[in-house]
């Protein structure tokens, strides 16, 4: 059974700190965005249930704007969740010793790329070959 390659030329703790900081940032952004979306949805609901509410055609625009905001938030949340999964997967690769290796070729990912995108799983060349 061939031995798994391991990087010996990088400081794993440097990248662990970067990834943990990114995870904290993502969780904070997601929480702030979620709170804002909830507050906005409550505001729209309160306005539509208010006693002075009328059946004004402008209300259709308000409803459309609210729908757009919900859809925008859902897309944002999906993107943030995907990025968070990538960050957590990178932390797991640090723990299992495969961090910094191209997941396709097994070759080392350049340190400059890892510093720019610490959750990178491929070299630029491999990503380009796969049109990612």
N, C-alpha and C. Protein backbone atom coordinates (compact mmCIF):
# COMPACT_ATOMS: atom_id res chain seq x y z
N UNK A 1 0.85 -1.18 0.00
CA UNK A 1 0.00 0.00 0.00
C UNK A 1 0.90 1.24 0.00
N UNK A 2 0.73 2.14 -0.99
CA UNK A 2 1.60 3.31 -1.06
C UNK A 2 1.31 4.28 0.08
N UNK A 3 2.37 4.92 0.53
CA UNK A 3 2.24 5.88 1.62
C UNK A 3 1.68 7.20 1.09
N UNK A 4 0.78 7.81 1.84
CA UNK A 4 0.19 9.08 1.46
C UNK A 4 1.25 10.17 1.57
N UNK A 5 1.31 11.03 0.53
CA UNK A 5 2.24 12.15 0.56
C UNK A 5 1.85 13.11 1.68
N UNK A 6 2.85 13.75 2.26
CA UNK A 6 2.61 14.77 3.27
C UNK A 6 3.52 15.96 3.00
N UNK A 7 3.00 17.14 3.26
CA UNK A 7 3.80 18.36 3.09
C UNK A 7 4.69 18.53 4.31
N UNK A 8 5.93 18.88 4.06
CA UNK A 8 6.85 19.18 5.15
C UNK A 8 7.40 20.60 5.01
N UNK A 9 6.99 21.28 3.95
CA UNK A 9 7.56 22.60 3.65
C UNK A 9 6.64 23.76 4.05
N UNK A 10 5.56 23.47 4.77
CA UNK A 10 4.67 24.56 5.18
C UNK A 10 4.38 24.49 6.68
N UNK A 11 4.04 25.64 7.23
CA UNK A 11 3.70 25.74 8.64
C UNK A 11 2.19 25.52 8.76
N UNK A 12 1.80 24.32 9.14
CA UNK A 12 0.37 23.99 9.22
C UNK A 12 -0.37 24.89 10.20
N UNK A 13 0.26 25.30 11.27
CA UNK A 13 -0.41 26.16 12.25
C UNK A 13 -0.74 27.53 11.66
N UNK A 14 0.10 28.04 10.78
CA UNK A 14 -0.18 29.30 10.09
C UNK A 14 -1.50 29.17 9.32
N UNK A 15 -1.65 28.07 8.60
CA UNK A 15 -2.85 27.87 7.80
C UNK A 15 -4.05 27.52 8.66
N UNK A 16 -3.84 26.80 9.75
CA UNK A 16 -4.94 26.52 10.67
C UNK A 16 -5.51 27.83 11.22
N UNK A 17 -4.62 28.76 11.62
CA UNK A 17 -5.07 30.05 12.14
C UNK A 17 -5.83 30.83 11.07
N UNK A 18 -5.34 30.82 9.84
CA UNK A 18 -6.03 31.52 8.75
C UNK A 18 -7.42 30.93 8.53
N UNK A 19 -7.50 29.61 8.52
CA UNK A 19 -8.78 28.94 8.28
C UNK A 19 -9.76 29.16 9.44
N UNK A 20 -9.27 29.11 10.66
CA UNK A 20 -10.13 29.35 11.82
C UNK A 20 -10.66 30.79 11.80
N UNK A 21 -9.80 31.73 11.42
CA UNK A 21 -10.23 33.13 11.33
C UNK A 21 -11.29 33.29 10.24
N UNK A 22 -11.10 32.61 9.12
CA UNK A 22 -12.09 32.68 8.04
C UNK A 22 -13.41 32.04 8.47
N UNK A 23 -13.33 30.93 9.19
CA UNK A 23 -14.55 30.28 9.67
C UNK A 23 -15.30 31.21 10.62
N UNK A 24 -14.59 31.86 11.53
CA UNK A 24 -15.22 32.80 12.46
C UNK A 24 -15.87 33.96 11.69
N UNK A 25 -15.15 34.48 10.69
CA UNK A 25 -15.68 35.58 9.89
C UNK A 25 -16.96 35.17 9.17
N UNK A 26 -16.93 34.00 8.55
CA UNK A 26 -18.10 33.51 7.82
C UNK A 26 -19.30 33.32 8.75
N UNK A 27 -19.05 32.76 9.91
CA UNK A 27 -20.14 32.54 10.86
C UNK A 27 -20.72 33.87 11.33
N UNK A 28 -19.87 34.86 11.53
CA UNK A 28 -20.34 36.19 11.94
C UNK A 28 -21.14 36.87 10.85
N UNK A 29 -20.65 36.80 9.62
CA UNK A 29 -21.36 37.41 8.49
C UNK A 29 -22.71 36.74 8.30
N UNK A 30 -22.73 35.43 8.36
CA UNK A 30 -23.98 34.69 8.19
C UNK A 30 -24.98 35.07 9.27
N UNK A 31 -24.51 35.16 10.50
CA UNK A 31 -25.41 35.52 11.61
C UNK A 31 -25.95 36.93 11.44
N UNK A 32 -25.09 37.88 11.05
CA UNK A 32 -25.56 39.25 10.84
C UNK A 32 -26.56 39.32 9.70
N UNK A 33 -26.27 38.62 8.61
CA UNK A 33 -27.17 38.62 7.45
C UNK A 33 -28.51 37.97 7.83
N UNK A 34 -28.46 36.88 8.58
CA UNK A 34 -29.69 36.20 9.00
C UNK A 34 -30.53 37.13 9.88
N UNK A 35 -29.89 37.81 10.82
CA UNK A 35 -30.62 38.74 11.70
C UNK A 35 -31.26 39.86 10.89
N UNK A 36 -30.53 40.39 9.92
CA UNK A 36 -31.07 41.45 9.07
C UNK A 36 -32.24 40.97 8.24
N UNK A 37 -32.14 39.77 7.70
CA UNK A 37 -33.22 39.22 6.88
C UNK A 37 -34.47 38.98 7.73
N UNK A 38 -34.28 38.46 8.93
CA UNK A 38 -35.43 38.22 9.82
C UNK A 38 -36.08 39.55 10.18
N UNK A 39 -35.27 40.53 10.50
CA UNK A 39 -35.80 41.84 10.87
C UNK A 39 -36.59 42.45 9.70
N UNK A 40 -36.05 42.33 8.51
CA UNK A 40 -36.73 42.89 7.34
C UNK A 40 -38.04 42.16 7.05
N UNK A 41 -38.03 40.84 7.18
CA UNK A 41 -39.27 40.08 6.94
C UNK A 41 -40.33 40.44 7.98
N UNK A 42 -39.92 40.63 9.23
CA UNK A 42 -40.86 41.02 10.27
C UNK A 42 -41.43 42.41 9.98
N UNK A 43 -40.59 43.31 9.48
CA UNK A 43 -41.03 44.66 9.15
C UNK A 43 -42.07 44.62 8.04
N UNK A 44 -41.81 43.85 7.00
CA UNK A 44 -42.77 43.73 5.89
C UNK A 44 -44.07 43.14 6.40
N UNK A 45 -44.00 42.11 7.22
CA UNK A 45 -45.20 41.47 7.75
C UNK A 45 -45.98 42.45 8.62
N UNK A 46 -45.28 43.18 9.48
CA UNK A 46 -45.95 44.16 10.34
C UNK A 46 -46.66 45.22 9.51
N UNK A 47 -46.01 45.70 8.45
CA UNK A 47 -46.62 46.73 7.61
C UNK A 47 -47.86 46.21 6.91
N UNK A 48 -47.83 44.99 6.45
CA UNK A 48 -48.96 44.45 5.72
C UNK A 48 -50.13 44.10 6.64
N UNK A 49 -49.85 43.89 7.91
CA UNK A 49 -50.91 43.56 8.85
C UNK A 49 -51.39 44.78 9.65
N UNK A 50 -50.79 45.91 9.36
CA UNK A 50 -51.15 47.12 10.09
C UNK A 50 -52.60 47.51 9.79
N UNK A 51 -53.31 48.13 10.76
CA UNK A 51 -54.72 48.50 10.57
C UNK A 51 -54.91 49.46 9.40
N UNK A 52 -53.95 50.31 9.13
CA UNK A 52 -54.09 51.29 8.06
C UNK A 52 -53.67 50.73 6.70
N UNK A 53 -53.38 49.46 6.64
CA UNK A 53 -52.95 48.84 5.38
C UNK A 53 -54.05 48.95 4.34
N UNK A 54 -53.68 49.34 3.16
CA UNK A 54 -54.67 49.45 2.07
C UNK A 54 -54.21 48.56 0.92
N UNK A 55 -55.10 48.34 0.00
CA UNK A 55 -54.77 47.53 -1.15
C UNK A 55 -54.23 48.43 -2.26
N UNK A 56 -53.14 49.02 -1.99
CA UNK A 56 -52.47 49.94 -2.91
C UNK A 56 -51.60 49.14 -3.87
N UNK A 57 -51.64 49.46 -5.17
CA UNK A 57 -50.78 48.74 -6.12
C UNK A 57 -49.29 48.83 -5.77
N UNK A 58 -48.91 49.87 -5.06
CA UNK A 58 -47.51 49.99 -4.65
C UNK A 58 -47.12 48.88 -3.70
N UNK A 59 -48.13 48.29 -3.03
CA UNK A 59 -47.84 47.18 -2.12
C UNK A 59 -47.32 45.97 -2.88
N UNK A 60 -47.74 45.81 -4.13
CA UNK A 60 -47.21 44.72 -4.96
C UNK A 60 -45.70 44.88 -5.12
N UNK A 61 -45.27 46.11 -5.28
CA UNK A 61 -43.83 46.37 -5.41
C UNK A 61 -43.12 46.02 -4.10
N UNK A 62 -43.76 46.34 -2.97
CA UNK A 62 -43.18 45.98 -1.67
C UNK A 62 -43.07 44.47 -1.54
N UNK A 63 -44.10 43.76 -1.95
CA UNK A 63 -44.08 42.30 -1.87
C UNK A 63 -43.00 41.73 -2.77
N UNK A 64 -42.86 42.31 -3.98
CA UNK A 64 -41.82 41.85 -4.90
C UNK A 64 -40.43 42.10 -4.31
N UNK A 65 -40.26 43.26 -3.70
CA UNK A 65 -38.97 43.58 -3.08
C UNK A 65 -38.68 42.62 -1.93
N UNK A 66 -39.70 42.30 -1.15
CA UNK A 66 -39.52 41.37 -0.04
C UNK A 66 -39.15 39.98 -0.57
N UNK A 67 -39.82 39.55 -1.64
CA UNK A 67 -39.50 38.25 -2.23
C UNK A 67 -38.07 38.23 -2.75
N UNK A 68 -37.68 39.32 -3.41
CA UNK A 68 -36.30 39.43 -3.91
C UNK A 68 -35.32 39.34 -2.75
N UNK A 69 -35.61 40.03 -1.65
CA UNK A 69 -34.70 40.01 -0.50
C UNK A 69 -34.57 38.60 0.07
N UNK A 70 -35.68 37.88 0.14
CA UNK A 70 -35.64 36.51 0.66
C UNK A 70 -34.79 35.63 -0.26
N UNK A 71 -35.01 35.75 -1.57
CA UNK A 71 -34.24 34.94 -2.52
C UNK A 71 -32.76 35.30 -2.48
N UNK A 72 -32.46 36.59 -2.36
CA UNK A 72 -31.07 37.04 -2.27
C UNK A 72 -30.42 36.47 -1.02
N UNK A 73 -31.14 36.51 0.09
CA UNK A 73 -30.60 35.96 1.33
C UNK A 73 -30.37 34.45 1.20
N UNK A 74 -31.31 33.75 0.58
CA UNK A 74 -31.14 32.29 0.43
C UNK A 74 -29.92 31.97 -0.42
N UNK A 75 -29.69 32.73 -1.49
CA UNK A 75 -28.50 32.51 -2.33
C UNK A 75 -27.23 32.83 -1.54
N UNK A 76 -27.26 33.93 -0.81
CA UNK A 76 -26.12 34.31 0.02
C UNK A 76 -25.81 33.22 1.04
N UNK A 77 -26.86 32.74 1.70
CA UNK A 77 -26.68 31.71 2.73
C UNK A 77 -26.11 30.43 2.13
N UNK A 78 -26.58 30.05 0.95
CA UNK A 78 -26.07 28.84 0.29
C UNK A 78 -24.59 29.00 -0.06
N UNK A 79 -24.21 30.17 -0.55
CA UNK A 79 -22.80 30.42 -0.88
C UNK A 79 -21.93 30.39 0.38
N UNK A 80 -22.40 31.03 1.42
CA UNK A 80 -21.64 31.07 2.67
C UNK A 80 -21.53 29.67 3.28
N UNK A 81 -22.59 28.90 3.20
CA UNK A 81 -22.58 27.53 3.73
C UNK A 81 -21.58 26.66 2.95
N UNK A 82 -21.56 26.84 1.63
CA UNK A 82 -20.61 26.08 0.80
C UNK A 82 -19.17 26.46 1.15
N UNK A 83 -18.90 27.75 1.30
CA UNK A 83 -17.56 28.20 1.65
C UNK A 83 -17.17 27.70 3.03
N UNK A 84 -18.10 27.71 3.97
CA UNK A 84 -17.84 27.21 5.31
C UNK A 84 -17.50 25.72 5.27
N UNK A 85 -18.20 24.97 4.43
CA UNK A 85 -17.89 23.54 4.27
C UNK A 85 -16.47 23.35 3.71
N UNK A 86 -16.07 24.20 2.77
CA UNK A 86 -14.73 24.11 2.20
C UNK A 86 -13.67 24.43 3.26
N UNK A 87 -13.94 25.43 4.08
CA UNK A 87 -13.00 25.79 5.15
C UNK A 87 -12.89 24.64 6.15
N UNK A 88 -14.02 24.07 6.55
CA UNK A 88 -13.99 22.94 7.49
C UNK A 88 -13.29 21.74 6.89
N UNK A 89 -13.47 21.51 5.59
CA UNK A 89 -12.78 20.39 4.93
C UNK A 89 -11.27 20.63 4.91
N UNK A 90 -10.86 21.87 4.72
CA UNK A 90 -9.42 22.19 4.75
C UNK A 90 -8.84 21.95 6.14
N UNK A 91 -9.60 22.32 7.17
CA UNK A 91 -9.14 22.05 8.54
C UNK A 91 -9.02 20.55 8.77
N UNK A 92 -9.93 19.77 8.23
CA UNK A 92 -9.85 18.31 8.36
C UNK A 92 -8.64 17.77 7.62
N UNK A 93 -8.30 18.38 6.47
CA UNK A 93 -7.10 17.93 5.73
C UNK A 93 -5.83 18.25 6.52
N UNK A 94 -5.84 19.35 7.26
CA UNK A 94 -4.68 19.63 8.11
C UNK A 94 -4.55 18.52 9.14
N UNK A 95 -5.68 18.14 9.74
CA UNK A 95 -5.67 17.10 10.77
C UNK A 95 -5.25 15.74 10.22
N UNK A 96 -5.67 15.42 8.98
CA UNK A 96 -5.31 14.10 8.45
C UNK A 96 -4.02 14.09 7.64
N UNK A 97 -3.38 15.25 7.51
CA UNK A 97 -2.08 15.31 6.87
C UNK A 97 -2.09 15.46 5.36
N UNK A 98 -3.25 15.70 4.76
CA UNK A 98 -3.31 15.84 3.31
C UNK A 98 -3.44 17.29 2.86
N UNK A 99 -3.39 18.21 3.79
CA UNK A 99 -3.53 19.63 3.44
C UNK A 99 -2.40 20.08 2.53
N UNK A 100 -2.75 20.90 1.54
CA UNK A 100 -1.74 21.49 0.67
C UNK A 100 -1.38 20.62 -0.52
N UNK A 101 -2.09 19.51 -0.68
CA UNK A 101 -1.83 18.63 -1.82
C UNK A 101 -3.02 18.69 -2.77
N UNK A 102 -2.72 18.74 -4.06
CA UNK A 102 -3.77 18.75 -5.08
C UNK A 102 -4.57 17.46 -4.97
N UNK A 103 -5.89 17.58 -4.84
CA UNK A 103 -6.73 16.40 -4.64
C UNK A 103 -6.79 15.49 -5.86
N UNK A 104 -6.39 15.99 -7.02
CA UNK A 104 -6.43 15.18 -8.24
C UNK A 104 -5.06 14.56 -8.51
N UNK A 105 -4.03 15.39 -8.48
CA UNK A 105 -2.69 14.91 -8.87
C UNK A 105 -1.82 14.49 -7.70
N UNK A 106 -2.15 14.97 -6.51
CA UNK A 106 -1.32 14.68 -5.34
C UNK A 106 -0.09 15.57 -5.24
N UNK A 107 0.06 16.47 -6.20
CA UNK A 107 1.20 17.39 -6.19
C UNK A 107 0.97 18.53 -5.20
N UNK A 108 2.05 19.11 -4.69
CA UNK A 108 1.89 20.24 -3.74
C UNK A 108 1.24 21.46 -4.41
N UNK A 109 0.33 22.06 -3.68
CA UNK A 109 -0.27 23.33 -4.11
C UNK A 109 0.70 24.42 -3.67
N UNK A 110 1.05 25.35 -4.57
CA UNK A 110 2.00 26.40 -4.18
C UNK A 110 1.55 27.16 -2.93
N UNK A 111 2.50 27.48 -2.08
CA UNK A 111 2.22 28.18 -0.83
C UNK A 111 1.52 29.51 -1.09
N UNK A 112 1.91 30.22 -2.15
CA UNK A 112 1.27 31.50 -2.46
C UNK A 112 -0.22 31.30 -2.72
N UNK A 113 -0.60 30.22 -3.39
CA UNK A 113 -2.02 29.94 -3.63
C UNK A 113 -2.73 29.63 -2.32
N UNK A 114 -2.08 28.85 -1.46
CA UNK A 114 -2.69 28.52 -0.17
C UNK A 114 -2.85 29.76 0.70
N UNK A 115 -1.92 30.68 0.60
CA UNK A 115 -2.06 31.92 1.39
C UNK A 115 -3.21 32.77 0.85
N UNK A 116 -3.41 32.73 -0.47
CA UNK A 116 -4.51 33.50 -1.07
C UNK A 116 -5.85 32.81 -0.83
N UNK A 117 -5.88 31.49 -0.97
CA UNK A 117 -7.11 30.70 -0.81
C UNK A 117 -6.76 29.49 0.05
N UNK A 118 -6.76 29.65 1.37
CA UNK A 118 -6.31 28.56 2.25
C UNK A 118 -7.11 27.26 2.12
N UNK A 119 -8.32 27.32 1.57
CA UNK A 119 -9.13 26.12 1.41
C UNK A 119 -8.98 25.50 0.01
N UNK A 120 -8.02 25.99 -0.77
CA UNK A 120 -7.80 25.46 -2.13
C UNK A 120 -7.53 23.95 -2.08
N UNK A 121 -8.10 23.24 -3.05
CA UNK A 121 -7.92 21.79 -3.12
C UNK A 121 -7.14 21.36 -4.36
N UNK A 122 -6.84 22.33 -5.23
CA UNK A 122 -6.12 22.02 -6.47
C UNK A 122 -5.17 23.14 -6.82
N UNK A 123 -4.19 22.79 -7.62
CA UNK A 123 -3.32 23.82 -8.20
C UNK A 123 -4.14 24.57 -9.24
N UNK A 124 -3.67 25.73 -9.65
CA UNK A 124 -4.34 26.50 -10.69
C UNK A 124 -4.42 25.68 -11.98
N UNK A 125 -3.35 24.99 -12.30
CA UNK A 125 -3.31 24.20 -13.53
C UNK A 125 -4.40 23.12 -13.53
N UNK A 126 -4.52 22.40 -12.43
CA UNK A 126 -5.55 21.36 -12.35
C UNK A 126 -6.94 21.96 -12.43
N UNK A 127 -7.16 23.07 -11.72
CA UNK A 127 -8.47 23.73 -11.76
C UNK A 127 -8.79 24.18 -13.18
N UNK A 128 -7.81 24.73 -13.89
CA UNK A 128 -8.04 25.16 -15.27
C UNK A 128 -8.35 23.98 -16.18
N UNK A 129 -7.65 22.88 -15.99
CA UNK A 129 -7.92 21.68 -16.80
C UNK A 129 -9.34 21.19 -16.60
N UNK A 130 -9.85 21.36 -15.39
CA UNK A 130 -11.20 20.89 -15.06
C UNK A 130 -12.25 21.99 -15.23
N UNK A 131 -11.80 23.14 -15.76
CA UNK A 131 -12.70 24.28 -15.98
C UNK A 131 -13.43 24.72 -14.72
N UNK A 132 -12.71 24.77 -13.60
CA UNK A 132 -13.31 25.20 -12.34
C UNK A 132 -12.95 26.63 -12.01
